[in-house]
Amino acid sequence: MTTQTELFDFNPTQHTVSITPVVGRITQLTPPDWAQEPPAVPVDTSLAAADRISKLPKTKRDEAALLAWMKARGEQGATDNEIQDHFEWDGDYERPRRWKLVKNDLVYASRDRRKTKDNNRAIVWKAK
C-alpha cells in the first residue's frame, strides 16, 4: 500500500512537486510562487506598506488584505462565498479571517442578504 508521503514529494530547491499516482505515472507540477511578497507596485508608499505587513504572519497579511478589500467594496459588502471566490480560499480558511475582523469590530454582519450559488440566503458582511 502506498502512503501519502510516497505519493507527494516536494523539492524546495527546484520548487516542484512530484506526484506519483497509483498507476505509476509520474507527473511533475510547478506550483505558483507561494512565497510571493508585496508590493504590487514598487513606489515608495507601496514599499513602506509592504515592509510593514511583510513582517506579519501569513494569516495576519490575509486579514489585512481582506479588510482592505472589504473597505473597497463599501456598501456592496460581501458574503462568505464571495470572499472565498475572490481570494481563492476555502471556507475553513476564510471564516476565521473574517471572524477575527468581526471580533476586532472592523467588519459587521449587515441586515442585507444575498443568494449564494446554491440559492441560499447569506449574510452580507461589511467593513466599518
C-alpha atoms as a PDB file:
ATOM      1  CA  MET A   1       0.000   0.000   0.000  1.00  0.00           C
ATOM      2  CA  THR A   2       1.282   3.449  -0.968  1.00  0.00           C
ATOM      3  CA  THR A   3       1.343   6.175   1.694  1.00  0.00           C
ATOM      4  CA  GLN A   4       0.565   9.854   1.103  1.00  0.00           C
ATOM      5  CA  THR A   5       4.173  10.808   1.737  1.00  0.00           C
ATOM      6  CA  GLU A   6       5.207   8.439  -1.021  1.00  0.00           C
ATOM      7  CA  LEU A   7       2.667   9.993  -3.410  1.00  0.00           C
ATOM      8  CA  PHE A   8       3.748  13.608  -2.913  1.00  0.00           C
ATOM      9  CA  ASP A   9       7.351  14.775  -2.832  1.00  0.00           C
ATOM     10  CA  PHE A  10       8.088  18.497  -2.606  1.00  0.00           C
ATOM     11  CA  ASN A  11      11.530  19.610  -3.720  1.00  0.00           C
ATOM     12  CA  PRO A  12      12.078  23.142  -2.310  1.00  0.00           C
ATOM     13  CA  THR A  13      15.305  23.744  -4.241  1.00  0.00           C
ATOM     14  CA  GLN A  14      13.585  23.158  -7.581  1.00  0.00           C
ATOM     15  CA  HIS A  15      10.171  24.473  -6.438  1.00  0.00           C
ATOM     16  CA  THR A  16       8.419  21.418  -7.828  1.00  0.00           C
ATOM     17  CA  VAL A  17       6.035  18.813  -6.525  1.00  0.00           C
ATOM     18  CA  SER A  18       6.251  15.274  -7.855  1.00  0.00           C
ATOM     19  CA  ILE A  19       3.054  13.274  -7.768  1.00  0.00           C
ATOM     20  CA  THR A  20       3.216   9.547  -8.292  1.00  0.00           C
ATOM     21  CA  PRO A  21      -0.309   8.269  -8.974  1.00  0.00           C
ATOM     22  CA  VAL A  22      -1.151   4.678  -8.066  1.00  0.00           C
ATOM     23  CA  VAL A  23      -0.923   3.727 -11.755  1.00  0.00           C
ATOM     24  CA  GLY A  24       2.791   4.532 -11.605  1.00  0.00           C
ATOM     25  CA  ARG A  25       2.989   7.519 -13.970  1.00  0.00           C
ATOM     26  CA  ILE A  26       4.940  10.463 -12.505  1.00  0.00           C
ATOM     27  CA  THR A  27       3.581  13.958 -13.007  1.00  0.00           C
ATOM     28  CA  GLN A  28       5.695  16.988 -12.140  1.00  0.00           C
ATOM     29  CA  LEU A  29       3.975  20.247 -11.278  1.00  0.00           C
ATOM     30  CA  THR A  30       5.389  23.675 -10.667  1.00  0.00           C
ATOM     31  CA  PRO A  31       3.187  25.319  -8.028  1.00  0.00           C
ATOM     32  CA  PRO A  32       2.532  29.054  -8.012  1.00  0.00           C
ATOM     33  CA  ASP A  33       5.003  31.226  -6.150  1.00  0.00           C
ATOM     34  CA  TRP A  34       3.566  30.760  -2.657  1.00  0.00           C
ATOM     35  CA  ALA A  35       6.272  32.959  -1.163  1.00  0.00           C
ATOM     36  CA  GLN A  36       5.462  35.952  -3.349  1.00  0.00           C
ATOM     37  CA  GLU A  37       5.677  39.110  -1.282  1.00  0.00           C
ATOM     38  CA  PRO A  38       4.215  42.567  -1.753  1.00  0.00           C
ATOM     39  CA  PRO A  39       4.339  45.215  -3.118  1.00  0.00           C
ATOM     40  CA  ALA A  40       2.446  45.002  -6.356  1.00  0.00           C
ATOM     41  CA  VAL A  41       3.763  48.405  -7.464  1.00  0.00           C
ATOM     42  CA  PRO A  42       7.297  49.422  -6.431  1.00  0.00           C
ATOM     43  CA  VAL A  43       6.604  53.023  -5.348  1.00  0.00           C
ATOM     44  CA  ASP A  44       7.630  54.498  -2.002  1.00  0.00           C
ATOM     45  CA  THR A  45       4.193  54.253  -0.358  1.00  0.00           C
ATOM     46  CA  SER A  46       3.675  50.684  -1.557  1.00  0.00           C
ATOM     47  CA  LEU A  47       7.177  49.707  -0.452  1.00  0.00           C
ATOM     48  CA  ALA A  48       6.543  51.132   3.018  1.00  0.00           C
ATOM     49  CA  ALA A  49       3.198  49.317   3.320  1.00  0.00           C
ATOM     50  CA  ALA A  50       4.742  46.096   2.031  1.00  0.00           C
ATOM     51  CA  ASP A  51       7.555  46.369   4.542  1.00  0.00           C
ATOM     52  CA  ARG A  52       5.045  46.891   7.355  1.00  0.00           C
ATOM     53  CA  ILE A  53       2.848  43.880   6.518  1.00  0.00           C
ATOM     54  CA  SER A  54       5.636  41.560   5.319  1.00  0.00           C
ATOM     55  CA  LYS A  55       6.714  41.141   8.940  1.00  0.00           C
ATOM     56  CA  LEU A  56       3.277  39.777   9.824  1.00  0.00           C
ATOM     57  CA  PRO A  57       2.445  36.062   9.658  1.00  0.00           C
ATOM     58  CA  LYS A  58       0.570  34.941   6.525  1.00  0.00           C
ATOM     59  CA  THR A  59      -2.774  34.822   8.329  1.00  0.00           C
ATOM     60  CA  LYS A  60      -2.346  38.425   9.506  1.00  0.00           C
ATOM     61  CA  ARG A  61      -1.392  39.541   5.979  1.00  0.00           C
ATOM     62  CA  ASP A  62      -4.502  37.803   4.693  1.00  0.00           C
ATOM     63  CA  GLU A  63      -6.634  39.538   7.337  1.00  0.00           C
ATOM     64  CA  ALA A  64      -5.156  42.894   6.260  1.00  0.00           C
ATOM     65  CA  ALA A  65      -5.845  42.076   2.597  1.00  0.00           C
ATOM     66  CA  LEU A  66      -9.405  41.002   3.415  1.00  0.00           C
ATOM     67  CA  LEU A  67     -10.087  44.190   5.377  1.00  0.00           C
ATOM     68  CA  ALA A  68      -8.714  46.390   2.589  1.00  0.00           C
ATOM     69  CA  TRP A  69     -10.853  44.539   0.033  1.00  0.00           C
ATOM     70  CA  MET A  70     -13.957  44.771   2.223  1.00  0.00           C
ATOM     71  CA  LYS A  71     -13.416  48.539   2.676  1.00  0.00           C
ATOM     72  CA  ALA A  72     -13.040  48.942  -1.091  1.00  0.00           C
ATOM     73  CA  ARG A  73     -16.370  47.164  -1.620  1.00  0.00           C
ATOM     74  CA  GLY A  74     -18.123  49.698   0.598  1.00  0.00           C
ATOM     75  CA  GLU A  75     -21.891  49.305   0.889  1.00  0.00           C
ATOM     76  CA  GLN A  76     -21.847  46.358  -1.518  1.00  0.00           C
ATOM     77  CA  GLY A  77     -20.135  44.222   1.130  1.00  0.00           C
ATOM     78  CA  ALA A  78     -19.539  40.535   0.506  1.00  0.00           C
ATOM     79  CA  THR A  79     -20.893  37.146   1.501  1.00  0.00           C
ATOM     80  CA  ASP A  80     -18.586  34.390   2.706  1.00  0.00           C
ATOM     81  CA  ASN A  81     -18.859  32.736  -0.722  1.00  0.00           C
ATOM     82  CA  GLU A  82     -17.888  35.960  -2.489  1.00  0.00           C
ATOM     83  CA  ILE A  83     -14.869  36.375  -0.207  1.00  0.00           C
ATOM     84  CA  GLN A  84     -13.830  32.763  -0.840  1.00  0.00           C
ATOM     85  CA  ASP A  85     -14.206  33.173  -4.599  1.00  0.00           C
ATOM     86  CA  HIS A  86     -12.255  36.436  -4.679  1.00  0.00           C
ATOM     87  CA  PHE A  87      -9.314  35.226  -2.595  1.00  0.00           C
ATOM     88  CA  GLU A  88      -9.496  31.593  -3.764  1.00  0.00           C
ATOM     89  CA  TRP A  89      -9.709  30.434  -0.131  1.00  0.00           C
ATOM     90  CA  ASP A  90     -11.755  27.532   1.139  1.00  0.00           C
ATOM     91  CA  GLY A  91     -14.358  28.178   3.813  1.00  0.00           C
ATOM     92  CA  ASP A  92     -12.253  26.684   6.599  1.00  0.00           C
ATOM     93  CA  TYR A  93      -9.564  29.299   5.907  1.00  0.00           C
ATOM     94  CA  GLU A  94     -11.832  32.251   5.096  1.00  0.00           C
ATOM     95  CA  ARG A  95     -14.213  32.158   8.067  1.00  0.00           C
ATOM     96  CA  PRO A  96     -11.543  32.539  10.807  1.00  0.00           C
ATOM     97  CA  ARG A  97     -10.004  35.511   8.927  1.00  0.00           C
ATOM     98  CA  ARG A  98     -13.423  37.188   8.684  1.00  0.00           C
ATOM     99  CA  TRP A  99     -14.370  36.332  12.282  1.00  0.00           C
ATOM    100  CA  LYS A 100     -11.149  37.936  13.517  1.00  0.00           C
ATOM    101  CA  LEU A 101     -12.179  41.166  11.757  1.00  0.00           C
ATOM    102  CA  VAL A 102     -15.673  40.907  13.266  1.00  0.00           C
ATOM    103  CA  LYS A 103     -14.201  40.291  16.728  1.00  0.00           C
ATOM    104  CA  ASN A 104     -11.979  43.371  16.333  1.00  0.00           C
ATOM    105  CA  ASP A 105     -15.045  45.434  15.341  1.00  0.00           C
ATOM    106  CA  LEU A 106     -13.733  46.122  11.839  1.00  0.00           C
ATOM    107  CA  VAL A 107     -16.392  44.151   9.924  1.00  0.00           C
ATOM    108  CA  TYR A 108     -20.027  43.565  10.816  1.00  0.00           C
ATOM    109  CA  ALA A 109     -22.978  41.448   9.702  1.00  0.00           C
ATOM    110  CA  SER A 110     -25.336  43.767   7.856  1.00  0.00           C
ATOM    111  CA  ARG A 111     -29.066  43.222   7.595  1.00  0.00           C
ATOM    112  CA  ASP A 112     -28.594  42.604   3.863  1.00  0.00           C
ATOM    113  CA  ARG A 113     -28.804  39.083   2.469  1.00  0.00           C
ATOM    114  CA  ARG A 114     -27.744  37.771  -0.939  1.00  0.00           C
ATOM    115  CA  LYS A 115     -28.328  34.462  -2.653  1.00  0.00           C
ATOM    116  CA  THR A 116     -25.430  32.003  -2.822  1.00  0.00           C
ATOM    117  CA  LYS A 117     -24.602  29.707  -5.726  1.00  0.00           C
ATOM    118  CA  ASP A 118     -26.808  27.110  -4.003  1.00  0.00           C
ATOM    119  CA  ASN A 119     -29.701  29.601  -3.909  1.00  0.00           C
ATOM    120  CA  ASN A 120     -29.482  30.015  -0.125  1.00  0.00           C
ATOM    121  CA  ARG A 121     -29.647  33.382   1.603  1.00  0.00           C
ATOM    122  CA  ALA A 122     -26.313  34.531   3.030  1.00  0.00           C
ATOM    123  CA  ILE A 123     -25.247  37.350   5.339  1.00  0.00           C
ATOM    124  CA  VAL A 124     -23.605  40.292   3.611  1.00  0.00           C
ATOM    125  CA  TRP A 125     -20.557  41.346   5.647  1.00  0.00           C
ATOM    126  CA  LYS A 126     -19.451  44.987   5.505  1.00  0.00           C
ATOM    127  CA  ALA A 127     -16.418  46.912   6.705  1.00  0.00           C
ATOM    128  CA  LYS A 128     -16.930  49.711   9.233  1.00  0.00           C
END
